[in-house]
């Protein structure tokens, strides 16, 4: 698997930063995450995402959206809403969501 960072996005755009605490590999999580990933990729205004998880169970996912309308469409998506409710009940010990507007962006990539 090749890891690649999201780059080359022209600001302004928006981020949804989802930080969570959950046990490793709870039942049904991987399948639901894959279904949601396939779903969001097809949504207008979705620009990409990056995710990382520590061995201790802290996870951070940053999703990028062209505008607030695209981000709200994802927030209100029925499958996403159902997964959030299931996650609160069965998977997560805690989570937080932070929404931000990116006004400047730059990066580096070794060739």
C-alpha atoms as a PDB file:
ATOM      1  CA  UNK A   1       0.000   0.000   0.000  1.00  0.00           C
ATOM      2  CA  UNK A   2       1.355   3.393  -0.959  1.00  0.00           C
ATOM      3  CA  UNK A   3       0.805   6.155   1.548  1.00  0.00           C
ATOM      4  CA  UNK A   4       0.130   9.569   0.063  1.00  0.00           C
ATOM      5  CA  UNK A   5      -0.703  12.858   1.694  1.00  0.00           C
ATOM      6  CA  UNK A   6      -3.459  15.103   0.410  1.00  0.00           C
ATOM      7  CA  UNK A   7      -1.713  18.023  -1.286  1.00  0.00           C
ATOM      8  CA  UNK A   8      -2.105  20.604  -4.014  1.00  0.00           C
ATOM      9  CA  UNK A   9      -5.458  21.902  -2.801  1.00  0.00           C
ATOM     10  CA  UNK A  10      -6.163  25.524  -3.614  1.00  0.00           C
ATOM     11  CA  UNK A  11      -7.474  27.429  -0.565  1.00  0.00           C
ATOM     12  CA  UNK A  12      -9.911  28.284   0.684  1.00  0.00           C
ATOM     13  CA  UNK A  13     -11.343  24.898   1.584  1.00  0.00           C
ATOM     14  CA  UNK A  14     -12.635  23.276   4.751  1.00  0.00           C
ATOM     15  CA  UNK A  15     -11.451  20.533   7.054  1.00  0.00           C
ATOM     16  CA  UNK A  16     -13.309  18.231   9.399  1.00  0.00           C
ATOM     17  CA  UNK A  17     -10.890  16.900  12.008  1.00  0.00           C
ATOM     18  CA  UNK A  18     -12.273  13.809  13.758  1.00  0.00           C
ATOM     19  CA  UNK A  19     -10.275  12.721  16.811  1.00  0.00           C
ATOM     20  CA  UNK A  20     -11.387   9.557  18.572  1.00  0.00           C
ATOM     21  CA  UNK A  21     -10.564   7.085  21.282  1.00  0.00           C
ATOM     22  CA  UNK A  22     -11.658   3.513  20.631  1.00  0.00           C
ATOM     23  CA  UNK A  23     -10.450  -0.032  21.245  1.00  0.00           C
ATOM     24  CA  UNK A  24      -8.496  -1.745  18.488  1.00  0.00           C
ATOM     25  CA  UNK A  25     -10.643  -3.292  15.732  1.00  0.00           C
ATOM     26  CA  UNK A  26     -14.130  -3.384  17.269  1.00  0.00           C
ATOM     27  CA  UNK A  27     -16.557  -5.702  15.511  1.00  0.00           C
ATOM     28  CA  UNK A  28     -17.954  -4.249  12.280  1.00  0.00           C
ATOM     29  CA  UNK A  29     -15.817  -1.117  12.357  1.00  0.00           C
ATOM     30  CA  UNK A  30     -13.540  -1.884   9.393  1.00  0.00           C
ATOM     31  CA  UNK A  31     -16.449  -2.810   7.127  1.00  0.00           C
ATOM     32  CA  UNK A  32     -18.415   0.308   8.026  1.00  0.00           C
ATOM     33  CA  UNK A  33     -15.353   2.529   7.583  1.00  0.00           C
ATOM     34  CA  UNK A  34     -14.741   1.058   4.105  1.00  0.00           C
ATOM     35  CA  UNK A  35     -18.388   1.606   3.097  1.00  0.00           C
ATOM     36  CA  UNK A  36     -18.321   5.213   4.305  1.00  0.00           C
ATOM     37  CA  UNK A  37     -14.992   5.849   2.568  1.00  0.00           C
ATOM     38  CA  UNK A  38     -16.470   4.621  -0.734  1.00  0.00           C
ATOM     39  CA  UNK A  39     -19.532   6.780  -0.155  1.00  0.00           C
ATOM     40  CA  UNK A  40     -17.750  10.058   0.659  1.00  0.00           C
ATOM     41  CA  UNK A  41     -15.302   9.714  -2.251  1.00  0.00           C
ATOM     42  CA  UNK A  42     -18.235  10.037  -4.666  1.00  0.00           C
ATOM     43  CA  UNK A  43     -19.701  13.147  -3.079  1.00  0.00           C
ATOM     44  CA  UNK A  44     -19.373  16.493  -4.884  1.00  0.00           C
ATOM     45  CA  UNK A  45     -16.920  18.754  -3.076  1.00  0.00           C
ATOM     46  CA  UNK A  46     -15.006  15.978  -1.284  1.00  0.00           C
ATOM     47  CA  UNK A  47     -11.255  16.577  -1.770  1.00  0.00           C
ATOM     48  CA  UNK A  48      -9.612  13.746   0.176  1.00  0.00           C
ATOM     49  CA  UNK A  49      -8.666  12.629   3.658  1.00  0.00           C
ATOM     50  CA  UNK A  50      -5.777  11.430   5.824  1.00  0.00           C
ATOM     51  CA  UNK A  51      -5.957   9.191   8.889  1.00  0.00           C
ATOM     52  CA  UNK A  52      -3.657   7.850  11.591  1.00  0.00           C
ATOM     53  CA  UNK A  53      -4.109   5.745  14.726  1.00  0.00           C
ATOM     54  CA  UNK A  54      -1.821   5.169  17.684  1.00  0.00           C
ATOM     55  CA  UNK A  55      -1.355   1.726  19.235  1.00  0.00           C
ATOM     56  CA  UNK A  56      -3.153   3.125  22.302  1.00  0.00           C
ATOM     57  CA  UNK A  57      -6.381   3.728  20.388  1.00  0.00           C
ATOM     58  CA  UNK A  58      -6.251   7.458  19.586  1.00  0.00           C
ATOM     59  CA  UNK A  59      -7.238   8.116  15.983  1.00  0.00           C
ATOM     60  CA  UNK A  60      -7.225  11.277  13.904  1.00  0.00           C
ATOM     61  CA  UNK A  61      -8.918  11.640  10.540  1.00  0.00           C
ATOM     62  CA  UNK A  62      -8.753  14.900   8.606  1.00  0.00           C
ATOM     63  CA  UNK A  63     -11.227  15.185   5.723  1.00  0.00           C
ATOM     64  CA  UNK A  64     -11.048  18.002   3.180  1.00  0.00           C
ATOM     65  CA  UNK A  65     -14.065  19.597   1.484  1.00  0.00           C
ATOM     66  CA  UNK A  66     -14.307  22.368  -1.104  1.00  0.00           C
ATOM     67  CA  UNK A  67     -17.003  24.287   0.807  1.00  0.00           C
ATOM     68  CA  UNK A  68     -19.336  24.153   3.795  1.00  0.00           C
ATOM     69  CA  UNK A  69     -22.188  22.862   1.637  1.00  0.00           C
ATOM     70  CA  UNK A  70     -20.151  19.756   0.741  1.00  0.00           C
ATOM     71  CA  UNK A  71     -19.145  19.264   4.364  1.00  0.00           C
ATOM     72  CA  UNK A  72     -22.770  19.610   5.496  1.00  0.00           C
ATOM     73  CA  UNK A  73     -23.895  17.124   2.844  1.00  0.00           C
ATOM     74  CA  UNK A  74     -21.486  14.593   4.380  1.00  0.00           C
ATOM     75  CA  UNK A  75     -22.587  15.439   7.927  1.00  0.00           C
ATOM     76  CA  UNK A  76     -26.233  14.899   6.952  1.00  0.00           C
ATOM     77  CA  UNK A  77     -25.662  11.770   4.832  1.00  0.00           C
ATOM     78  CA  UNK A  78     -27.988   9.040   6.158  1.00  0.00           C
ATOM     79  CA  UNK A  79     -25.385   6.246   6.200  1.00  0.00           C
ATOM     80  CA  UNK A  80     -22.863   8.536   7.887  1.00  0.00           C
ATOM     81  CA  UNK A  81     -25.428   9.600  10.505  1.00  0.00           C
ATOM     82  CA  UNK A  82     -26.316   5.951  11.211  1.00  0.00           C
ATOM     83  CA  UNK A  83     -22.619   5.046  11.595  1.00  0.00           C
ATOM     84  CA  UNK A  84     -22.110   7.959  14.005  1.00  0.00           C
ATOM     85  CA  UNK A  85     -25.015   6.790  16.167  1.00  0.00           C
ATOM     86  CA  UNK A  86     -23.748   3.194  16.129  1.00  0.00           C
ATOM     87  CA  UNK A  87     -20.240   4.399  16.947  1.00  0.00           C
ATOM     88  CA  UNK A  88     -21.396   6.343  19.991  1.00  0.00           C
ATOM     89  CA  UNK A  89     -23.257   3.265  21.213  1.00  0.00           C
ATOM     90  CA  UNK A  90     -20.698   0.556  20.422  1.00  0.00           C
ATOM     91  CA  UNK A  91     -17.242   1.710  19.266  1.00  0.00           C
ATOM     92  CA  UNK A  92     -16.030   4.968  20.747  1.00  0.00           C
ATOM     93  CA  UNK A  93     -14.987   5.852  24.252  1.00  0.00           C
ATOM     94  CA  UNK A  94     -14.884   9.515  23.194  1.00  0.00           C
ATOM     95  CA  UNK A  95     -14.544  11.675  20.093  1.00  0.00           C
ATOM     96  CA  UNK A  96     -14.366  15.295  19.045  1.00  0.00           C
ATOM     97  CA  UNK A  97     -14.944  17.055  15.737  1.00  0.00           C
ATOM     98  CA  UNK A  98     -13.311  20.327  14.725  1.00  0.00           C
ATOM     99  CA  UNK A  99     -14.339  22.215  11.580  1.00  0.00           C
ATOM    100  CA  UNK A 100     -11.934  24.727  10.085  1.00  0.00           C
ATOM    101  CA  UNK A 101     -11.454  26.952   7.078  1.00  0.00           C
ATOM    102  CA  UNK A 102      -8.040  26.621   5.448  1.00  0.00           C
ATOM    103  CA  UNK A 103      -6.777  29.925   4.111  1.00  0.00           C
ATOM    104  CA  UNK A 104      -3.193  28.920   3.394  1.00  0.00           C
ATOM    105  CA  UNK A 105      -1.645  25.571   2.555  1.00  0.00           C
ATOM    106  CA  UNK A 106       1.839  24.407   1.557  1.00  0.00           C
ATOM    107  CA  UNK A 107       3.930  21.267   1.715  1.00  0.00           C
ATOM    108  CA  UNK A 108       7.056  19.334   0.816  1.00  0.00           C
ATOM    109  CA  UNK A 109       7.573  16.035  -0.957  1.00  0.00           C
ATOM    110  CA  UNK A 110      10.896  14.303  -1.467  1.00  0.00           C
ATOM    111  CA  UNK A 111      11.269  13.091  -5.049  1.00  0.00           C
END
